[in-house]
Amino acid sequence: MEIIKVENLYTAFGDNIVHENLSFNVKEGEIFGVLGGSGSGKTVLVKQIVMLNEIQRGTIKFFDKDISNLSLKEIENIKLKFSYLFQFGALYSFLNVIENIGVMLKEYTNLPKDLIEKISYTYLDIVGLPKRVAKLYPSELSGGMKKRVALARSLAMQPKILFLDEPTSGLDPGSTKQINELLLYLKNSLNITTVIITHDLETIKTVLDRFIIIKREIIFDGDINAAMDSSNKFVQEFLTNTKDA
């Protein structure tokens, strides 16, 4: 089943054409990657999908609904079905870990405070963090811990789709491996559809079910085996130059 469908997407900033006739889909339950070089418009594309950036031309459908033709109520309902994890986590510096995880539940539900805290501790455990970090503040956390807390906050609303912008960026190889293993666990245990922007070769090889490589147009759409066997020179150069953390 297609959860997201992008058709003939066109994006330009002045004379700079970023996307030209992009068309692809994301299927339910898969971990889908959006890859491309610097300036290829990966983050712009994902922000258009999650309705943070305006669509200039083309169509994006969520659950077979054109997001450009929705009522405010329909937009609100769709936004509650996904979570977007920014590259640097975007944790609230004035809230501790457990408060950060529960902040969306506090904002968008009528759940009592003690239940929100209980749910927050559950997701703290799911992302592999011990209870002792619950009362720490973001400034007291390592980079990998911040990513996990941000992921726990994203999961707390029980989204059907998770969007991740460079989830392993800036992490050491050990932390990168742990995040990748966590993403596979979430897929297998919670059946969450995940869309990832990444440049990490290990993530591309071991986590992604399928991915696109964009360079204004879609250069490649397939899995890692098809990419490695591709005769397309750009695809081979891209994989060779991609960072292996």
Protein backbone atom coordinates (compact mmCIF):
# COMPACT_ATOMS: atom_id res chain seq x y z
CA MET A 1 0.00 0.00 0.00
CA GLU A 2 1.28 3.47 -0.91
CA ILE A 3 1.24 5.88 2.03
CA ILE A 4 2.94 8.75 0.18
CA LYS A 5 2.84 9.47 -3.53
CA VAL A 6 4.78 12.32 -5.16
CA GLU A 7 4.00 13.21 -8.77
CA ASN A 8 5.80 15.64 -11.08
CA LEU A 9 7.16 17.80 -8.28
CA TYR A 10 8.90 20.99 -9.41
CA THR A 11 10.76 23.37 -7.11
CA ALA A 12 12.90 26.38 -7.96
CA PHE A 13 14.47 29.23 -6.05
CA GLY A 14 14.98 32.06 -8.50
CA ASP A 15 16.87 30.64 -11.47
CA ASN A 16 18.00 27.61 -9.49
CA ILE A 17 15.85 24.56 -10.32
CA VAL A 18 16.05 22.21 -7.34
CA HIS A 19 13.48 19.57 -8.32
CA GLU A 20 12.22 18.80 -11.79
CA ASN A 21 9.44 16.26 -12.34
CA LEU A 22 10.15 14.19 -9.23
CA SER A 23 7.80 11.20 -8.99
CA PHE A 24 8.05 8.35 -6.47
CA ASN A 25 6.10 6.60 -3.72
CA VAL A 26 6.65 5.37 -0.18
CA LYS A 27 5.05 2.07 0.79
CA GLU A 28 3.56 1.16 4.14
CA GLY A 29 5.99 -0.45 6.55
CA GLU A 30 9.20 0.25 4.63
CA ILE A 31 12.26 2.28 5.58
CA PHE A 32 12.66 4.64 2.65
CA GLY A 33 15.70 6.81 2.00
CA VAL A 34 16.03 10.22 0.35
CA LEU A 35 19.63 10.57 -0.84
CA GLY A 36 21.53 13.13 -2.84
CA GLY A 37 24.51 15.44 -2.76
CA SER A 38 24.73 18.76 -0.98
CA GLY A 39 22.19 21.20 -2.40
CA SER A 40 20.11 18.49 -4.08
CA GLY A 41 17.01 19.52 -2.15
CA LYS A 42 16.58 16.49 0.12
CA THR A 43 15.43 18.45 3.15
CA VAL A 44 13.33 20.80 0.99
CA LEU A 45 11.56 17.75 -0.46
CA VAL A 46 10.80 16.18 2.91
CA LYS A 47 9.63 19.51 4.33
CA GLN A 48 7.24 19.80 1.38
CA ILE A 49 5.89 16.34 2.16
CA VAL A 50 5.31 17.22 5.83
CA MET A 51 3.75 20.55 4.86
CA LEU A 52 6.49 22.79 6.27
CA ASN A 53 7.45 24.09 2.80
CA GLU A 54 5.08 25.14 0.04
CA ILE A 55 4.61 22.98 -3.05
CA GLN A 56 5.31 25.10 -6.11
CA ARG A 57 4.14 22.63 -8.74
CA GLY A 58 3.16 18.98 -8.73
CA THR A 59 1.20 16.77 -6.36
CA ILE A 60 1.93 15.13 -3.02
CA LYS A 61 -0.59 12.65 -1.64
CA PHE A 62 -0.83 11.30 1.90
CA PHE A 63 -3.08 8.27 2.28
CA ASP A 64 -4.38 9.00 -1.25
CA LYS A 65 -5.31 12.59 -0.32
CA ASP A 66 -3.80 15.55 -2.17
CA ILE A 67 -2.28 17.69 0.60
CA SER A 68 -2.76 20.84 -1.48
CA ASN A 69 -6.55 20.41 -1.40
CA LEU A 70 -7.25 19.69 2.24
CA SER A 71 -9.31 21.55 4.81
CA LEU A 72 -7.55 22.77 7.96
CA LYS A 73 -9.21 19.93 9.88
CA GLU A 74 -7.93 17.35 7.39
CA ILE A 75 -4.43 18.83 7.55
CA GLU A 76 -4.51 18.64 11.34
CA ASN A 77 -5.63 15.00 11.23
CA ILE A 78 -2.87 14.02 8.80
CA LYS A 79 -0.19 15.86 10.79
CA LEU A 80 -1.15 13.80 13.84
CA LYS A 81 -0.27 10.66 11.87
CA PHE A 82 3.40 11.52 11.43
CA SER A 83 6.37 12.85 13.37
CA TYR A 84 9.34 14.80 12.01
CA LEU A 85 12.71 14.52 13.68
CA PHE A 86 14.98 17.45 12.89
CA GLN A 87 18.68 16.85 12.23
CA PHE A 88 19.87 18.18 15.59
CA GLY A 89 16.95 16.90 17.64
CA ALA A 90 15.50 20.33 18.50
CA LEU A 91 15.04 19.45 22.17
CA TYR A 92 13.73 22.15 24.48
CA SER A 93 16.71 23.26 26.56
CA PHE A 94 14.53 24.33 29.49
CA LEU A 95 12.82 20.91 29.80
CA ASN A 96 14.43 17.78 31.17
CA VAL A 97 14.48 14.50 29.24
CA ILE A 98 11.18 13.09 30.45
CA GLU A 99 9.45 16.45 29.97
CA ASN A 100 10.83 16.70 26.43
CA ILE A 101 9.47 13.25 25.57
CA GLY A 102 6.01 14.06 26.92
CA VAL A 103 5.69 17.62 25.63
CA MET A 104 3.61 16.69 22.54
CA LEU A 105 1.29 14.51 24.60
CA LYS A 106 0.77 17.42 26.97
CA GLU A 107 0.05 19.75 24.04
CA TYR A 108 -2.22 17.56 21.92
CA THR A 109 -4.00 15.21 24.35
CA ASN A 110 -6.07 15.46 27.51
CA LEU A 111 -4.17 12.70 29.25
CA PRO A 112 -3.45 13.20 32.96
CA LYS A 113 0.06 14.24 33.94
CA ASP A 114 0.94 10.95 35.64
CA LEU A 115 -0.09 8.92 32.57
CA ILE A 116 1.94 11.20 30.27
CA GLU A 117 4.96 10.63 32.49
CA LYS A 118 4.38 6.85 32.46
CA ILE A 119 4.14 6.82 28.65
CA SER A 120 7.28 8.96 28.44
CA TYR A 121 9.22 6.49 30.56
CA THR A 122 8.00 3.66 28.31
CA TYR A 123 9.46 5.38 25.23
CA LEU A 124 12.62 6.27 27.11
CA ASP A 125 13.06 2.53 27.59
CA ILE A 126 12.15 1.71 23.96
CA VAL A 127 14.95 3.93 22.64
CA GLY A 128 17.40 2.27 25.01
CA LEU A 129 18.02 4.99 27.59
CA PRO A 130 18.15 4.26 31.34
CA LYS A 131 15.79 5.88 33.85
CA ARG A 132 18.68 7.76 35.43
CA VAL A 133 18.80 10.20 32.50
CA ALA A 134 15.12 11.15 32.85
CA LYS A 135 15.79 14.27 34.92
CA LEU A 136 18.83 15.45 32.96
CA TYR A 137 18.67 18.44 30.64
CA PRO A 138 19.77 18.45 26.97
CA SER A 139 23.01 20.24 27.82
CA GLU A 140 23.98 17.24 29.98
CA LEU A 141 23.49 14.68 27.19
CA SER A 142 25.83 13.30 24.56
CA GLY A 143 24.97 13.68 20.87
CA GLY A 144 23.72 10.12 20.63
CA MET A 145 21.54 10.50 23.72
CA LYS A 146 19.99 13.68 22.35
CA LYS A 147 19.06 11.81 19.15
CA ARG A 148 17.45 9.05 21.20
CA VAL A 149 15.46 11.48 23.33
CA ALA A 150 14.24 13.29 20.21
CA LEU A 151 13.27 9.94 18.70
CA ALA A 152 11.41 8.97 21.87
CA ARG A 153 9.49 12.27 21.71
CA SER A 154 8.61 11.58 18.07
CA LEU A 155 7.36 8.09 18.95
CA ALA A 156 5.28 9.17 21.93
CA MET A 157 2.44 10.31 19.66
CA GLN A 158 2.40 6.83 18.07
CA PRO A 159 2.84 8.06 14.48
CA LYS A 160 2.17 5.91 11.44
CA ILE A 161 5.08 7.60 9.64
CA LEU A 162 8.39 8.83 11.01
CA PHE A 163 10.51 11.37 9.11
CA LEU A 164 14.17 11.56 10.12
CA ASP A 165 16.65 14.17 8.89
CA GLU A 166 20.21 12.78 9.16
CA PRO A 167 19.56 10.69 12.32
CA THR A 168 23.21 9.56 12.57
CA SER A 169 24.86 12.86 11.61
CA GLY A 170 27.69 13.80 13.97
CA LEU A 171 27.66 10.45 15.79
CA ASP A 172 30.59 8.10 16.33
CA PRO A 173 30.46 4.65 14.66
CA GLY A 174 29.21 2.94 17.82
CA SER A 175 26.32 5.37 18.30
CA THR A 176 25.51 5.18 14.59
CA LYS A 177 25.23 1.40 14.80
CA GLN A 178 22.94 1.68 17.85
CA ILE A 179 20.63 4.16 16.09
CA ASN A 180 20.48 1.94 12.99
CA GLU A 181 19.64 -1.10 15.10
CA LEU A 182 16.95 0.92 16.85
CA LEU A 183 15.38 1.94 13.52
CA LEU A 184 15.20 -1.71 12.44
CA TYR A 185 13.67 -2.63 15.81
CA LEU A 186 10.99 0.06 15.40
CA LYS A 187 10.13 -1.24 11.95
CA ASN A 188 9.88 -4.84 13.07
CA SER A 189 8.13 -4.26 16.40
CA LEU A 190 5.92 -1.22 15.75
CA ASN A 191 5.57 -1.45 11.93
CA ILE A 192 6.34 2.24 11.55
CA THR A 193 6.90 3.53 8.03
CA THR A 194 10.10 5.58 8.09
CA VAL A 195 11.47 8.16 5.65
CA ILE A 196 15.13 9.00 6.20
CA ILE A 197 17.40 11.67 4.78
CA THR A 198 20.90 10.27 5.15
CA HIS A 199 24.44 10.34 3.77
CA ASP A 200 25.67 7.48 5.96
CA LEU A 201 26.71 4.47 3.88
CA GLU A 202 26.22 2.01 6.73
CA THR A 203 22.62 3.20 7.14
CA ILE A 204 22.07 2.94 3.39
CA LYS A 205 23.46 -0.61 3.30
CA THR A 206 21.88 -2.07 6.43
CA VAL A 207 18.70 -0.13 7.19
CA LEU A 208 17.03 1.17 4.03
CA ASP A 209 14.61 -1.09 2.19
CA ARG A 210 14.58 1.24 -0.79
CA PHE A 211 15.82 4.72 -1.65
CA ILE A 212 15.92 7.43 -4.26
CA ILE A 213 18.96 9.46 -5.28
CA ILE A 214 18.08 12.93 -6.52
CA LYS A 215 20.04 15.41 -8.56
CA ARG A 216 17.29 17.75 -9.72
CA GLU A 217 15.63 14.66 -11.17
CA ILE A 218 15.45 11.18 -9.71
CA ILE A 219 18.66 9.44 -10.77
CA PHE A 220 17.90 6.15 -9.04
CA ASP A 221 14.97 4.40 -7.31
CA GLY A 222 15.60 0.96 -5.83
CA ASP A 223 17.47 -0.99 -3.15
CA ILE A 224 21.16 -1.19 -2.32
CA ASN A 225 21.74 -4.31 -4.44
CA ALA A 226 20.27 -2.64 -7.52
CA ALA A 227 22.33 0.48 -6.81
CA MET A 228 25.57 -1.47 -6.51
CA ASP A 229 24.81 -3.21 -9.80
CA SER A 230 23.73 -0.02 -11.57
CA SER A 231 25.62 1.03 -14.69
CA ASN A 232 24.75 4.67 -13.97
CA LYS A 233 28.05 6.48 -13.43
CA PHE A 234 26.52 9.07 -11.07
CA VAL A 235 25.03 6.36 -8.84
CA GLN A 236 28.38 4.57 -8.59
CA GLU A 237 30.24 7.82 -7.85
CA PHE A 238 27.63 8.80 -5.27
CA LEU A 239 27.98 5.51 -3.38
CA THR A 240 31.78 5.67 -3.58
CA ASN A 241 31.85 9.23 -2.21
CA THR A 242 29.19 8.70 0.45
CA LYS A 243 30.55 8.74 3.98
CA ASP A 244 30.89 5.39 5.68
CA ALA A 245 30.64 6.37 9.34
